[in-house]
Amino acid sequence: MRHTEFWARLDHTLGRDYSRVWADQFVMAELGGRTARQALDAGVEPKEVWRAVWSALELPARER
């Protein structure tokens, strides 16, 4: 997964405006106590970040 696909999925899930706020503020234990944006900026693969987001938001299996 590329960064562009990650952001497109998050935008689709939360809406473009809120997805950016959420990615900057919601801390996830699965990402070592980081936000999605912090994890991506630290070099964590977008697919791994998406898995954490998927779990945190309790999205349906089809969104995985």
N, C-alpha and C. Protein backbone atom coordinates (compact mmCIF):
# COMPACT_ATOMS: atom_id res chain seq x y z
N MET A 1 0.84 -1.17 0.00
CA MET A 1 0.00 0.00 0.00
C MET A 1 0.90 1.25 0.00
N ARG A 2 0.52 2.21 -0.79
CA ARG A 2 1.24 3.49 -0.85
C ARG A 2 0.58 4.49 0.09
N HIS A 3 1.30 5.54 0.36
CA HIS A 3 0.75 6.60 1.22
C HIS A 3 -0.54 7.17 0.62
N THR A 4 -0.57 7.32 -0.70
CA THR A 4 -1.76 7.89 -1.34
C THR A 4 -2.98 6.99 -1.13
N GLU A 5 -2.78 5.68 -1.18
CA GLU A 5 -3.90 4.76 -0.95
C GLU A 5 -4.34 4.83 0.51
N PHE A 6 -3.37 4.91 1.43
CA PHE A 6 -3.71 5.03 2.84
C PHE A 6 -4.62 6.23 3.06
N TRP A 7 -4.19 7.41 2.55
CA TRP A 7 -4.97 8.63 2.76
C TRP A 7 -6.32 8.56 2.06
N ALA A 8 -6.38 7.94 0.90
CA ALA A 8 -7.66 7.79 0.20
C ALA A 8 -8.62 6.93 1.02
N ARG A 9 -8.11 5.86 1.61
CA ARG A 9 -8.97 5.01 2.45
C ARG A 9 -9.45 5.75 3.69
N LEU A 10 -8.54 6.49 4.33
CA LEU A 10 -8.92 7.23 5.52
C LEU A 10 -9.93 8.33 5.18
N ASP A 11 -9.71 9.00 4.05
CA ASP A 11 -10.66 10.02 3.60
C ASP A 11 -12.03 9.42 3.35
N HIS A 12 -12.06 8.26 2.71
CA HIS A 12 -13.32 7.58 2.43
C HIS A 12 -14.04 7.19 3.72
N THR A 13 -13.27 6.77 4.71
CA THR A 13 -13.84 6.30 5.98
C THR A 13 -14.33 7.44 6.85
N LEU A 14 -13.55 8.50 6.97
CA LEU A 14 -13.87 9.56 7.92
C LEU A 14 -14.25 10.90 7.28
N GLY A 15 -14.07 11.01 5.98
CA GLY A 15 -14.27 12.30 5.32
C GLY A 15 -12.94 13.03 5.28
N ARG A 16 -12.71 13.77 4.23
CA ARG A 16 -11.39 14.39 3.99
C ARG A 16 -10.95 15.30 5.13
N ASP A 17 -11.81 16.17 5.58
CA ASP A 17 -11.42 17.13 6.63
C ASP A 17 -11.15 16.44 7.96
N TYR A 18 -12.07 15.60 8.39
CA TYR A 18 -11.90 14.96 9.69
C TYR A 18 -10.77 13.94 9.69
N SER A 19 -10.54 13.28 8.57
CA SER A 19 -9.49 12.26 8.53
C SER A 19 -8.12 12.84 8.89
N ARG A 20 -7.84 14.06 8.47
CA ARG A 20 -6.55 14.69 8.76
C ARG A 20 -6.43 15.02 10.24
N VAL A 21 -7.51 15.52 10.83
CA VAL A 21 -7.52 15.83 12.26
C VAL A 21 -7.33 14.55 13.05
N TRP A 22 -8.09 13.53 12.69
CA TRP A 22 -8.02 12.25 13.39
C TRP A 22 -6.61 11.66 13.30
N ALA A 23 -6.02 11.69 12.12
CA ALA A 23 -4.67 11.14 11.93
C ALA A 23 -3.62 11.89 12.73
N ASP A 24 -3.89 13.15 13.03
CA ASP A 24 -2.94 13.96 13.80
C ASP A 24 -3.14 13.84 15.31
N GLN A 25 -4.33 13.40 15.74
CA GLN A 25 -4.65 13.45 17.17
C GLN A 25 -4.91 12.11 17.85
N PHE A 26 -5.36 11.11 17.12
CA PHE A 26 -5.74 9.84 17.74
C PHE A 26 -4.50 8.95 17.93
N VAL A 27 -4.15 8.70 19.17
CA VAL A 27 -2.97 7.90 19.51
C VAL A 27 -3.37 6.43 19.61
N MET A 28 -2.57 5.57 19.00
CA MET A 28 -2.86 4.13 19.00
C MET A 28 -1.72 3.34 19.62
N ALA A 29 -2.06 2.49 20.57
CA ALA A 29 -1.07 1.64 21.23
C ALA A 29 -0.39 0.73 20.20
N GLU A 30 -1.14 0.28 19.22
CA GLU A 30 -0.60 -0.62 18.20
C GLU A 30 0.52 0.03 17.39
N LEU A 31 0.59 1.34 17.43
CA LEU A 31 1.64 2.07 16.71
C LEU A 31 2.67 2.63 17.67
N GLY A 32 2.78 2.02 18.83
CA GLY A 32 3.78 2.44 19.80
C GLY A 32 3.44 3.76 20.48
N GLY A 33 2.14 4.01 20.63
CA GLY A 33 1.73 5.25 21.28
C GLY A 33 1.85 6.46 20.37
N ARG A 34 1.75 6.23 19.07
CA ARG A 34 1.84 7.32 18.09
C ARG A 34 0.53 7.48 17.35
N THR A 35 0.39 8.61 16.73
CA THR A 35 -0.74 8.83 15.84
C THR A 35 -0.41 8.21 14.48
N ALA A 36 -1.41 8.13 13.62
CA ALA A 36 -1.17 7.60 12.27
C ALA A 36 -0.13 8.45 11.54
N ARG A 37 -0.26 9.77 11.64
CA ARG A 37 0.69 10.64 10.94
C ARG A 37 2.10 10.48 11.51
N GLN A 38 2.22 10.41 12.82
CA GLN A 38 3.55 10.24 13.43
C GLN A 38 4.17 8.92 12.98
N ALA A 39 3.36 7.87 12.93
CA ALA A 39 3.87 6.56 12.51
C ALA A 39 4.34 6.61 11.05
N LEU A 40 3.53 7.21 10.19
CA LEU A 40 3.93 7.33 8.78
C LEU A 40 5.19 8.16 8.64
N ASP A 41 5.26 9.26 9.37
CA ASP A 41 6.45 10.13 9.31
C ASP A 41 7.69 9.42 9.83
N ALA A 42 7.49 8.46 10.74
CA ALA A 42 8.62 7.71 11.31
C ALA A 42 9.04 6.54 10.42
N GLY A 43 8.33 6.34 9.31
CA GLY A 43 8.71 5.29 8.38
C GLY A 43 7.95 3.99 8.50
N VAL A 44 6.92 3.96 9.33
CA VAL A 44 6.10 2.76 9.44
C VAL A 44 5.35 2.59 8.12
N GLU A 45 5.30 1.38 7.63
CA GLU A 45 4.64 1.10 6.36
C GLU A 45 3.15 1.47 6.43
N PRO A 46 2.62 2.12 5.39
CA PRO A 46 1.22 2.51 5.39
C PRO A 46 0.26 1.34 5.64
N LYS A 47 0.62 0.16 5.14
CA LYS A 47 -0.25 -1.01 5.35
C LYS A 47 -0.36 -1.34 6.84
N GLU A 48 0.75 -1.24 7.56
CA GLU A 48 0.74 -1.50 9.00
C GLU A 48 -0.07 -0.43 9.74
N VAL A 49 0.08 0.81 9.32
CA VAL A 49 -0.68 1.90 9.94
C VAL A 49 -2.17 1.69 9.65
N TRP A 50 -2.50 1.29 8.42
CA TRP A 50 -3.91 1.06 8.08
C TRP A 50 -4.50 -0.06 8.95
N ARG A 51 -3.74 -1.11 9.19
CA ARG A 51 -4.23 -2.19 10.06
C ARG A 51 -4.59 -1.66 11.43
N ALA A 52 -3.76 -0.79 11.98
CA ALA A 52 -4.03 -0.19 13.30
C ALA A 52 -5.27 0.69 13.24
N VAL A 53 -5.39 1.48 12.18
CA VAL A 53 -6.57 2.34 12.00
C VAL A 53 -7.82 1.48 11.88
N TRP A 54 -7.75 0.46 11.06
CA TRP A 54 -8.87 -0.45 10.85
C TRP A 54 -9.35 -1.03 12.17
N SER A 55 -8.41 -1.45 13.00
CA SER A 55 -8.73 -2.02 14.30
C SER A 55 -9.32 -0.96 15.23
N ALA A 56 -8.70 0.20 15.29
CA ALA A 56 -9.15 1.27 16.19
C ALA A 56 -10.55 1.74 15.86
N LEU A 57 -10.86 1.81 14.58
CA LEU A 57 -12.18 2.27 14.14
C LEU A 57 -13.21 1.15 14.05
N GLU A 58 -12.75 -0.08 14.31
CA GLU A 58 -13.63 -1.25 14.25
C GLU A 58 -14.38 -1.31 12.92
N LEU A 59 -13.61 -1.18 11.84
CA LEU A 59 -14.18 -1.21 10.51
C LEU A 59 -14.53 -2.64 10.09
N PRO A 60 -15.45 -2.80 9.17
CA PRO A 60 -15.81 -4.15 8.71
C PRO A 60 -14.66 -4.82 7.97
N ALA A 61 -14.70 -6.12 7.90
CA ALA A 61 -13.64 -6.91 7.28
C ALA A 61 -13.38 -6.47 5.84
N ARG A 62 -14.40 -6.07 5.13
CA ARG A 62 -14.23 -5.68 3.72
C ARG A 62 -13.37 -4.43 3.56
N GLU A 63 -13.20 -3.67 4.64
CA GLU A 63 -12.39 -2.45 4.59
C GLU A 63 -10.92 -2.73 4.89
N ARG A 64 -10.62 -3.95 5.26
CA ARG A 64 -9.26 -4.30 5.65
C ARG A 64 -8.37 -4.31 4.45
